[in-house]
């Protein structure tokens, strides 16, 4: 600062680089607010879709988040009512897959203040080392996000099931300004399944596939067998659903036939 002042006294009015200006602050991402979405439905294999408020540090609404969380198969097929469990302990030691779908944001106050601004949304679940961020969206008061991430717990632990029953997913809303550095959307460094889904509840997992450094032949043989069993189970579920539907149609057909004969 003394050097700049001396230059001023000497009549040097040349521009000062931002990094040398003591009064200049870099443009940064701003935390606008947080939303809480309870995870209990996942512990019972139930889908949850709702709209929750992003509240700022003063407890005022900054925006509304539309989010969907759904249990699913390893292939991403959403579970139905027949997959709902009465007791979460039924899932203990089993593979659990679920998707978190950030649908949209509504009425973002940050965007109303300046149309040139943008947002990103971030969240971190259970033991993930990194935060998952959505891609930046600019110049929209009601931005459509439409980003889905699938997670998997290969052998659900008691601790993970307890976490789902008693905790909420904290979703953060971040404000972007022109010239700021966007939050990284990279998922590098996260452990993933063979299908590329992000692993959670990983304390008991010793070896997993990392897309940046592991080849398919490095996946443990036991994991490959487990994956095959999961796929076969999903196939059997689909066959079972088809047979149920066919059975219902046959019952309806028989009922109509019996009704017609009774009228005669």
C-alpha atoms as a PDB file:
ATOM      1  CA  UNK A   1       0.000   0.000   0.000  1.00  0.00           C
ATOM      2  CA  UNK A   2       2.899   2.362   0.791  1.00  0.00           C
ATOM      3  CA  UNK A   3       4.317   1.741  -2.661  1.00  0.00           C
ATOM      4  CA  UNK A   4       1.004   2.634  -4.298  1.00  0.00           C
ATOM      5  CA  UNK A   5       0.736   5.773  -2.188  1.00  0.00           C
ATOM      6  CA  UNK A   6       4.246   6.809  -3.161  1.00  0.00           C
ATOM      7  CA  UNK A   7       3.390   6.282  -6.819  1.00  0.00           C
ATOM      8  CA  UNK A   8       0.362   8.530  -6.324  1.00  0.00           C
ATOM      9  CA  UNK A   9       2.529  11.234  -4.748  1.00  0.00           C
ATOM     10  CA  UNK A  10       4.926  10.954  -7.668  1.00  0.00           C
ATOM     11  CA  UNK A  11       2.058  11.561 -10.070  1.00  0.00           C
ATOM     12  CA  UNK A  12       2.034   8.015 -11.424  1.00  0.00           C
ATOM     13  CA  UNK A  13      -1.579   7.363 -12.443  1.00  0.00           C
ATOM     14  CA  UNK A  14      -0.953   4.097 -14.294  1.00  0.00           C
ATOM     15  CA  UNK A  15      -3.596   1.394 -13.688  1.00  0.00           C
ATOM     16  CA  UNK A  16      -2.988  -1.085 -10.874  1.00  0.00           C
ATOM     17  CA  UNK A  17      -3.393  -4.818 -11.433  1.00  0.00           C
ATOM     18  CA  UNK A  18      -6.259  -6.254  -9.337  1.00  0.00           C
ATOM     19  CA  UNK A  19      -3.953  -8.620  -7.453  1.00  0.00           C
ATOM     20  CA  UNK A  20      -1.793  -5.634  -6.423  1.00  0.00           C
ATOM     21  CA  UNK A  21      -4.740  -3.490  -5.339  1.00  0.00           C
ATOM     22  CA  UNK A  22      -5.240  -3.738  -1.538  1.00  0.00           C
ATOM     23  CA  UNK A  23      -8.825  -2.522  -1.920  1.00  0.00           C
ATOM     24  CA  UNK A  24      -9.800  -5.144  -4.499  1.00  0.00           C
ATOM     25  CA  UNK A  25     -11.600  -8.339  -3.503  1.00  0.00           C
ATOM     26  CA  UNK A  26     -11.956 -11.239  -5.945  1.00  0.00           C
ATOM     27  CA  UNK A  27     -15.470 -12.096  -7.112  1.00  0.00           C
ATOM     28  CA  UNK A  28     -16.553 -15.179  -5.179  1.00  0.00           C
ATOM     29  CA  UNK A  29     -19.427 -17.614  -4.995  1.00  0.00           C
ATOM     30  CA  UNK A  30     -21.944 -16.598  -2.314  1.00  0.00           C
ATOM     31  CA  UNK A  31     -23.862 -18.979  -0.052  1.00  0.00           C
ATOM     32  CA  UNK A  32     -27.501 -17.960  -0.382  1.00  0.00           C
ATOM     33  CA  UNK A  33     -29.283 -20.498   1.802  1.00  0.00           C
ATOM     34  CA  UNK A  34     -29.963 -24.116   2.716  1.00  0.00           C
ATOM     35  CA  UNK A  35     -32.865 -26.545   2.424  1.00  0.00           C
ATOM     36  CA  UNK A  36     -33.458 -29.684   4.491  1.00  0.00           C
ATOM     37  CA  UNK A  37     -34.979 -32.820   2.968  1.00  0.00           C
ATOM     38  CA  UNK A  38     -35.652 -35.725   5.327  1.00  0.00           C
ATOM     39  CA  UNK A  39     -34.213 -39.060   4.175  1.00  0.00           C
ATOM     40  CA  UNK A  40     -36.505 -41.353   6.169  1.00  0.00           C
ATOM     41  CA  UNK A  41     -38.499 -42.471   3.127  1.00  0.00           C
ATOM     42  CA  UNK A  42     -35.390 -44.120   1.644  1.00  0.00           C
ATOM     43  CA  UNK A  43     -35.065 -46.327   4.736  1.00  0.00           C
ATOM     44  CA  UNK A  44     -38.472 -47.781   3.829  1.00  0.00           C
ATOM     45  CA  UNK A  45     -37.800 -47.962   0.067  1.00  0.00           C
ATOM     46  CA  UNK A  46     -40.352 -45.249  -0.601  1.00  0.00           C
ATOM     47  CA  UNK A  47     -40.156 -42.472  -3.168  1.00  0.00           C
ATOM     48  CA  UNK A  48     -40.249 -38.869  -1.965  1.00  0.00           C
ATOM     49  CA  UNK A  49     -41.005 -35.850  -4.122  1.00  0.00           C
ATOM     50  CA  UNK A  50     -41.497 -32.442  -2.580  1.00  0.00           C
ATOM     51  CA  UNK A  51     -40.801 -28.743  -2.678  1.00  0.00           C
ATOM     52  CA  UNK A  52     -38.807 -27.222   0.176  1.00  0.00           C
ATOM     53  CA  UNK A  53     -37.639 -23.699   0.903  1.00  0.00           C
ATOM     54  CA  UNK A  54     -34.069 -22.485   0.741  1.00  0.00           C
ATOM     55  CA  UNK A  55     -33.722 -20.286   3.836  1.00  0.00           C
ATOM     56  CA  UNK A  56     -30.938 -17.737   4.264  1.00  0.00           C
ATOM     57  CA  UNK A  57     -29.070 -16.915   7.487  1.00  0.00           C
ATOM     58  CA  UNK A  58     -31.954 -14.661   8.559  1.00  0.00           C
ATOM     59  CA  UNK A  59     -34.529 -17.411   8.064  1.00  0.00           C
ATOM     60  CA  UNK A  60     -35.974 -15.764   4.967  1.00  0.00           C
ATOM     61  CA  UNK A  61     -36.874 -17.617   1.796  1.00  0.00           C
ATOM     62  CA  UNK A  62     -34.349 -17.351  -1.037  1.00  0.00           C
ATOM     63  CA  UNK A  63     -35.943 -19.888  -3.389  1.00  0.00           C
ATOM     64  CA  UNK A  64     -37.961 -23.102  -3.490  1.00  0.00           C
ATOM     65  CA  UNK A  65     -36.305 -26.415  -4.345  1.00  0.00           C
ATOM     66  CA  UNK A  66     -38.158 -29.141  -6.245  1.00  0.00           C
ATOM     67  CA  UNK A  67     -36.435 -32.442  -5.439  1.00  0.00           C
ATOM     68  CA  UNK A  68     -37.169 -36.136  -5.871  1.00  0.00           C
ATOM     69  CA  UNK A  69     -35.499 -39.033  -4.039  1.00  0.00           C
ATOM     70  CA  UNK A  70     -36.326 -42.563  -5.126  1.00  0.00           C
ATOM     71  CA  UNK A  71     -35.058 -46.061  -4.288  1.00  0.00           C
ATOM     72  CA  UNK A  72     -34.199 -47.968  -7.433  1.00  0.00           C
ATOM     73  CA  UNK A  73     -32.532 -51.034  -8.922  1.00  0.00           C
ATOM     74  CA  UNK A  74     -28.834 -51.088  -9.907  1.00  0.00           C
ATOM     75  CA  UNK A  75     -29.998 -50.381 -13.457  1.00  0.00           C
ATOM     76  CA  UNK A  76     -31.875 -47.263 -12.342  1.00  0.00           C
ATOM     77  CA  UNK A  77     -35.438 -48.586 -12.460  1.00  0.00           C
ATOM     78  CA  UNK A  78     -37.520 -46.937  -9.740  1.00  0.00           C
ATOM     79  CA  UNK A  79     -38.972 -49.325  -7.154  1.00  0.00           C
ATOM     80  CA  UNK A  80     -42.726 -49.686  -6.866  1.00  0.00           C
ATOM     81  CA  UNK A  81     -45.100 -50.165  -3.951  1.00  0.00           C
ATOM     82  CA  UNK A  82     -44.334 -53.887  -3.819  1.00  0.00           C
ATOM     83  CA  UNK A  83     -40.742 -53.065  -2.822  1.00  0.00           C
ATOM     84  CA  UNK A  84     -41.696 -50.996   0.244  1.00  0.00           C
ATOM     85  CA  UNK A  85     -40.426 -52.475   3.527  1.00  0.00           C
ATOM     86  CA  UNK A  86     -42.169 -52.301   6.904  1.00  0.00           C
ATOM     87  CA  UNK A  87     -38.943 -52.447   8.892  1.00  0.00           C
ATOM     88  CA  UNK A  88     -35.674 -50.884   7.637  1.00  0.00           C
ATOM     89  CA  UNK A  89     -33.821 -53.830   9.186  1.00  0.00           C
ATOM     90  CA  UNK A  90     -35.039 -55.843   6.196  1.00  0.00           C
ATOM     91  CA  UNK A  91     -32.438 -53.902   4.190  1.00  0.00           C
ATOM     92  CA  UNK A  92     -29.557 -54.627   6.557  1.00  0.00           C
ATOM     93  CA  UNK A  93     -26.610 -56.160   4.704  1.00  0.00           C
ATOM     94  CA  UNK A  94     -28.333 -55.819   1.331  1.00  0.00           C
ATOM     95  CA  UNK A  95     -27.533 -53.592  -1.607  1.00  0.00           C
ATOM     96  CA  UNK A  96     -29.430 -50.298  -1.640  1.00  0.00           C
ATOM     97  CA  UNK A  97     -29.599 -48.067  -4.702  1.00  0.00           C
ATOM     98  CA  UNK A  98     -31.324 -44.706  -4.786  1.00  0.00           C
ATOM     99  CA  UNK A  99     -31.415 -41.611  -6.954  1.00  0.00           C
ATOM    100  CA  UNK A 100     -31.434 -37.953  -5.990  1.00  0.00           C
ATOM    101  CA  UNK A 101     -33.036 -35.836  -8.684  1.00  0.00           C
ATOM    102  CA  UNK A 102     -32.721 -32.057  -8.467  1.00  0.00           C
ATOM    103  CA  UNK A 103     -35.633 -30.992 -10.646  1.00  0.00           C
ATOM    104  CA  UNK A 104     -35.759 -27.203 -10.536  1.00  0.00           C
ATOM    105  CA  UNK A 105     -35.550 -24.039  -8.465  1.00  0.00           C
ATOM    106  CA  UNK A 106     -38.449 -21.626  -8.205  1.00  0.00           C
ATOM    107  CA  UNK A 107     -38.458 -17.908  -7.487  1.00  0.00           C
ATOM    108  CA  UNK A 108     -34.720 -17.408  -6.951  1.00  0.00           C
ATOM    109  CA  UNK A 109     -34.370 -13.981  -5.292  1.00  0.00           C
ATOM    110  CA  UNK A 110     -30.704 -13.807  -6.290  1.00  0.00           C
ATOM    111  CA  UNK A 111     -31.714 -13.854  -9.961  1.00  0.00           C
ATOM    112  CA  UNK A 112     -34.336 -11.169  -9.438  1.00  0.00           C
ATOM    113  CA  UNK A 113     -31.656  -8.785  -8.167  1.00  0.00           C
ATOM    114  CA  UNK A 114     -29.489  -9.127 -11.279  1.00  0.00           C
ATOM    115  CA  UNK A 115     -30.418 -11.077 -14.397  1.00  0.00           C
ATOM    116  CA  UNK A 116     -26.731 -11.697 -15.165  1.00  0.00           C
ATOM    117  CA  UNK A 117     -26.233 -13.776 -12.034  1.00  0.00           C
ATOM    118  CA  UNK A 118     -26.434 -17.559 -11.727  1.00  0.00           C
ATOM    119  CA  UNK A 119     -26.764 -20.392  -9.227  1.00  0.00           C
ATOM    120  CA  UNK A 120     -25.417 -23.818  -8.374  1.00  0.00           C
ATOM    121  CA  UNK A 121     -26.832 -26.376  -5.956  1.00  0.00           C
ATOM    122  CA  UNK A 122     -24.713 -28.672  -3.803  1.00  0.00           C
ATOM    123  CA  UNK A 123     -25.256 -31.499  -1.316  1.00  0.00           C
ATOM    124  CA  UNK A 124     -23.300 -34.242   0.400  1.00  0.00           C
ATOM    125  CA  UNK A 125     -24.801 -37.437   1.762  1.00  0.00           C
ATOM    126  CA  UNK A 126     -23.560 -39.638   4.608  1.00  0.00           C
ATOM    127  CA  UNK A 127     -19.842 -40.488   4.236  1.00  0.00           C
ATOM    128  CA  UNK A 128     -19.133 -38.890   0.860  1.00  0.00           C
ATOM    129  CA  UNK A 129     -15.803 -37.016   1.015  1.00  0.00           C
ATOM    130  CA  UNK A 130     -16.868 -34.460  -1.609  1.00  0.00           C
ATOM    131  CA  UNK A 131     -19.918 -32.318  -2.255  1.00  0.00           C
ATOM    132  CA  UNK A 132     -22.007 -33.027  -5.352  1.00  0.00           C
ATOM    133  CA  UNK A 133     -22.687 -29.832  -7.319  1.00  0.00           C
ATOM    134  CA  UNK A 134     -25.107 -29.251 -10.164  1.00  0.00           C
ATOM    135  CA  UNK A 135     -23.999 -27.479 -13.306  1.00  0.00           C
ATOM    136  CA  UNK A 136     -24.228 -23.670 -13.252  1.00  0.00           C
ATOM    137  CA  UNK A 137     -27.467 -22.092 -14.442  1.00  0.00           C
ATOM    138  CA  UNK A 138     -27.525 -18.426 -15.410  1.00  0.00           C
ATOM    139  CA  UNK A 139     -30.104 -15.727 -16.065  1.00  0.00           C
ATOM    140  CA  UNK A 140     -33.251 -17.548 -14.933  1.00  0.00           C
ATOM    141  CA  UNK A 141     -35.493 -16.861 -11.944  1.00  0.00           C
ATOM    142  CA  UNK A 142     -37.004 -20.355 -12.235  1.00  0.00           C
ATOM    143  CA  UNK A 143     -34.059 -22.440 -13.478  1.00  0.00           C
ATOM    144  CA  UNK A 144     -34.713 -25.975 -14.674  1.00  0.00           C
ATOM    145  CA  UNK A 145     -31.912 -28.147 -13.257  1.00  0.00           C
ATOM    146  CA  UNK A 146     -32.912 -31.738 -14.141  1.00  0.00           C
ATOM    147  CA  UNK A 147     -29.843 -33.492 -12.754  1.00  0.00           C
ATOM    148  CA  UNK A 148     -29.992 -37.010 -11.330  1.00  0.00           C
ATOM    149  CA  UNK A 149     -27.263 -38.843  -9.423  1.00  0.00           C
ATOM    150  CA  UNK A 150     -27.523 -42.500  -8.427  1.00  0.00           C
ATOM    151  CA  UNK A 151     -25.961 -43.765  -5.207  1.00  0.00           C
ATOM    152  CA  UNK A 152     -25.413 -47.308  -3.971  1.00  0.00           C
ATOM    153  CA  UNK A 153     -24.646 -48.968  -0.650  1.00  0.00           C
ATOM    154  CA  UNK A 154     -23.421 -52.463  -1.512  1.00  0.00           C
ATOM    155  CA  UNK A 155     -24.090 -53.854   1.963  1.00  0.00           C
ATOM    156  CA  UNK A 156     -26.231 -51.439   3.942  1.00  0.00           C
ATOM    157  CA  UNK A 157     -24.924 -51.096   7.490  1.00  0.00           C
ATOM    158  CA  UNK A 158     -26.915 -50.438  10.653  1.00  0.00           C
ATOM    159  CA  UNK A 159     -25.240 -47.026  10.919  1.00  0.00           C
ATOM    160  CA  UNK A 160     -26.346 -46.075   7.413  1.00  0.00           C
ATOM    161  CA  UNK A 161     -29.931 -47.184   8.039  1.00  0.00           C
ATOM    162  CA  UNK A 162     -29.960 -45.182  11.280  1.00  0.00           C
ATOM    163  CA  UNK A 163     -28.640 -42.175   9.373  1.00  0.00           C
ATOM    164  CA  UNK A 164     -31.450 -42.388   6.823  1.00  0.00           C
ATOM    165  CA  UNK A 165     -34.085 -42.610   9.548  1.00  0.00           C
ATOM    166  CA  UNK A 166     -32.863 -39.670  11.624  1.00  0.00           C
ATOM    167  CA  UNK A 167     -31.180 -37.198   9.271  1.00  0.00           C
ATOM    168  CA  UNK A 168     -32.032 -34.739   6.554  1.00  0.00           C
ATOM    169  CA  UNK A 169     -30.159 -34.099   3.331  1.00  0.00           C
ATOM    170  CA  UNK A 170     -28.784 -30.557   3.532  1.00  0.00           C
ATOM    171  CA  UNK A 171     -28.957 -28.909   0.119  1.00  0.00           C
ATOM    172  CA  UNK A 172     -27.096 -25.620  -0.323  1.00  0.00           C
ATOM    173  CA  UNK A 173     -27.910 -22.869  -2.805  1.00  0.00           C
ATOM    174  CA  UNK A 174     -24.918 -20.914  -4.112  1.00  0.00           C
ATOM    175  CA  UNK A 175     -25.020 -17.623  -5.980  1.00  0.00           C
ATOM    176  CA  UNK A 176     -22.710 -17.040  -8.935  1.00  0.00           C
ATOM    177  CA  UNK A 177     -21.509 -13.618 -10.017  1.00  0.00           C
ATOM    178  CA  UNK A 178     -20.032 -12.594 -13.319  1.00  0.00           C
ATOM    179  CA  UNK A 179     -16.308 -13.333 -13.225  1.00  0.00           C
ATOM    180  CA  UNK A 180     -16.372 -15.747 -10.279  1.00  0.00           C
ATOM    181  CA  UNK A 181     -14.990 -19.283 -10.342  1.00  0.00           C
ATOM    182  CA  UNK A 182     -17.778 -21.838 -10.635  1.00  0.00           C
ATOM    183  CA  UNK A 183     -17.976 -24.729  -8.176  1.00  0.00           C
ATOM    184  CA  UNK A 184     -16.497 -27.929  -9.577  1.00  0.00           C
ATOM    185  CA  UNK A 185     -19.014 -30.507 -10.813  1.00  0.00           C
ATOM    186  CA  UNK A 186     -16.355 -33.204 -11.126  1.00  0.00           C
ATOM    187  CA  UNK A 187     -16.963 -36.485  -9.303  1.00  0.00           C
ATOM    188  CA  UNK A 188     -13.335 -37.561  -9.478  1.00  0.00           C
ATOM    189  CA  UNK A 189     -12.050 -39.121  -6.302  1.00  0.00           C
ATOM    190  CA  UNK A 190     -15.404 -40.670  -5.416  1.00  0.00           C
ATOM    191  CA  UNK A 191     -15.725 -44.447  -5.266  1.00  0.00           C
ATOM    192  CA  UNK A 192     -18.138 -45.919  -7.780  1.00  0.00           C
ATOM    193  CA  UNK A 193     -19.777 -49.210  -8.675  1.00  0.00           C
ATOM    194  CA  UNK A 194     -19.188 -51.097 -11.896  1.00  0.00           C
ATOM    195  CA  UNK A 195     -22.166 -49.236 -13.379  1.00  0.00           C
ATOM    196  CA  UNK A 196     -20.631 -45.890 -12.453  1.00  0.00           C
ATOM    197  CA  UNK A 197     -22.942 -45.115  -9.515  1.00  0.00           C
ATOM    198  CA  UNK A 198     -21.467 -43.323  -6.505  1.00  0.00           C
ATOM    199  CA  UNK A 199     -20.810 -45.528  -3.488  1.00  0.00           C
ATOM    200  CA  UNK A 200     -21.897 -44.603   0.028  1.00  0.00           C
ATOM    201  CA  UNK A 201     -21.561 -46.515   3.296  1.00  0.00           C
ATOM    202  CA  UNK A 202     -18.092 -47.621   2.223  1.00  0.00           C
ATOM    203  CA  UNK A 203     -16.415 -48.494   5.526  1.00  0.00           C
ATOM    204  CA  UNK A 204     -16.480 -52.233   4.819  1.00  0.00           C
ATOM    205  CA  UNK A 205     -15.477 -51.958   1.179  1.00  0.00           C
ATOM    206  CA  UNK A 206     -11.803 -52.638   0.575  1.00  0.00           C
ATOM    207  CA  UNK A 207     -11.675 -52.568  -3.216  1.00  0.00           C
ATOM    208  CA  UNK A 208     -13.904 -50.753  -5.695  1.00  0.00           C
ATOM    209  CA  UNK A 209     -13.680 -49.596  -9.225  1.00  0.00           C
ATOM    210  CA  UNK A 210     -12.397 -46.055  -9.772  1.00  0.00           C
ATOM    211  CA  UNK A 211     -13.193 -44.887 -13.332  1.00  0.00           C
ATOM    212  CA  UNK A 212      -9.986 -42.861 -13.543  1.00  0.00           C
ATOM    213  CA  UNK A 213      -7.592 -45.655 -12.727  1.00  0.00           C
ATOM    214  CA  UNK A 214      -9.193 -49.098 -12.468  1.00  0.00           C
ATOM    215  CA  UNK A 215      -9.925 -51.525 -15.274  1.00  0.00           C
ATOM    216  CA  UNK A 216     -12.904 -53.864 -15.259  1.00  0.00           C
ATOM    217  CA  UNK A 217     -10.738 -56.900 -14.523  1.00  0.00           C
ATOM    218  CA  UNK A 218      -9.686 -55.310 -11.222  1.00  0.00           C
ATOM    219  CA  UNK A 219     -13.188 -55.501  -9.770  1.00  0.00           C
ATOM    220  CA  UNK A 220     -13.322 -58.237  -7.138  1.00  0.00           C
ATOM    221  CA  UNK A 221     -14.822 -61.502  -8.329  1.00  0.00           C
ATOM    222  CA  UNK A 222     -17.266 -61.449  -5.428  1.00  0.00           C
ATOM    223  CA  UNK A 223     -18.558 -58.047  -6.524  1.00  0.00           C
ATOM    224  CA  UNK A 224     -19.112 -59.294 -10.076  1.00  0.00           C
ATOM    225  CA  UNK A 225     -21.106 -62.235  -8.732  1.00  0.00           C
ATOM    226  CA  UNK A 226     -23.144 -59.872  -6.573  1.00  0.00           C
ATOM    227  CA  UNK A 227     -23.835 -57.633  -9.545  1.00  0.00           C
ATOM    228  CA  UNK A 228     -24.970 -60.618 -11.623  1.00  0.00           C
ATOM    229  CA  UNK A 229     -27.316 -61.738  -8.849  1.00  0.00           C
ATOM    230  CA  UNK A 230     -28.764 -58.220  -8.623  1.00  0.00           C
ATOM    231  CA  UNK A 231     -29.422 -58.212 -12.365  1.00  0.00           C
ATOM    232  CA  UNK A 232     -31.052 -61.646 -12.212  1.00  0.00           C
ATOM    233  CA  UNK A 233     -33.196 -60.519  -9.287  1.00  0.00           C
ATOM    234  CA  UNK A 234     -34.330 -57.466 -11.219  1.00  0.00           C
ATOM    235  CA  UNK A 235     -35.217 -59.673 -14.191  1.00  0.00           C
ATOM    236  CA  UNK A 236     -37.293 -61.940 -11.935  1.00  0.00           C
ATOM    237  CA  UNK A 237     -39.064 -58.895 -10.491  1.00  0.00           C
ATOM    238  CA  UNK A 238     -39.982 -57.733 -13.974  1.00  0.00           C
ATOM    239  CA  UNK A 239     -41.277 -61.199 -14.868  1.00  0.00           C
ATOM    240  CA  UNK A 240     -43.270 -61.273 -11.635  1.00  0.00           C
ATOM    241  CA  UNK A 241     -44.850 -57.888 -12.432  1.00  0.00           C
ATOM    242  CA  UNK A 242     -45.778 -59.071 -15.924  1.00  0.00           C
ATOM    243  CA  UNK A 243     -47.342 -62.270 -14.547  1.00  0.00           C
ATOM    244  CA  UNK A 244     -49.338 -60.279 -11.996  1.00  0.00           C
ATOM    245  CA  UNK A 245     -50.716 -58.028 -14.715  1.00  0.00           C
ATOM    246  CA  UNK A 246     -51.563 -61.032 -16.883  1.00  0.00           C
ATOM    247  CA  UNK A 247     -53.255 -62.708 -13.912  1.00  0.00           C
ATOM    248  CA  UNK A 248     -55.383 -59.618 -13.289  1.00  0.00           C
ATOM    249  CA  UNK A 249     -56.442 -59.519 -16.936  1.00  0.00           C
ATOM    250  CA  UNK A 250     -57.403 -63.204 -16.828  1.00  0.00           C
ATOM    251  CA  UNK A 251     -59.452 -62.652 -13.666  1.00  0.00           C
ATOM    252  CA  UNK A 252     -61.283 -59.745 -15.275  1.00  0.00           C
ATOM    253  CA  UNK A 253     -61.923 -61.808 -18.399  1.00  0.00           C
ATOM    254  CA  UNK A 254     -63.284 -64.740 -16.359  1.00  0.00           C
ATOM    255  CA  UNK A 255     -65.471 -62.399 -14.321  1.00  0.00           C
ATOM    256  CA  UNK A 256     -66.965 -60.906 -17.483  1.00  0.00           C
ATOM    257  CA  UNK A 257     -67.562 -64.384 -18.935  1.00  0.00           C
ATOM    258  CA  UNK A 258     -69.259 -65.580 -15.748  1.00  0.00           C
ATOM    259  CA  UNK A 259     -71.385 -62.446 -15.648  1.00  0.00           C
ATOM    260  CA  UNK A 260     -72.481 -62.960 -19.243  1.00  0.00           C
ATOM    261  CA  UNK A 261     -73.475 -66.578 -18.606  1.00  0.00           C
ATOM    262  CA  UNK A 262     -75.425 -65.567 -15.503  1.00  0.00           C
ATOM    263  CA  UNK A 263     -77.511 -63.087 -17.472  1.00  0.00           C
ATOM    264  CA  UNK A 264     -78.530 -65.844 -19.896  1.00  0.00           C
END
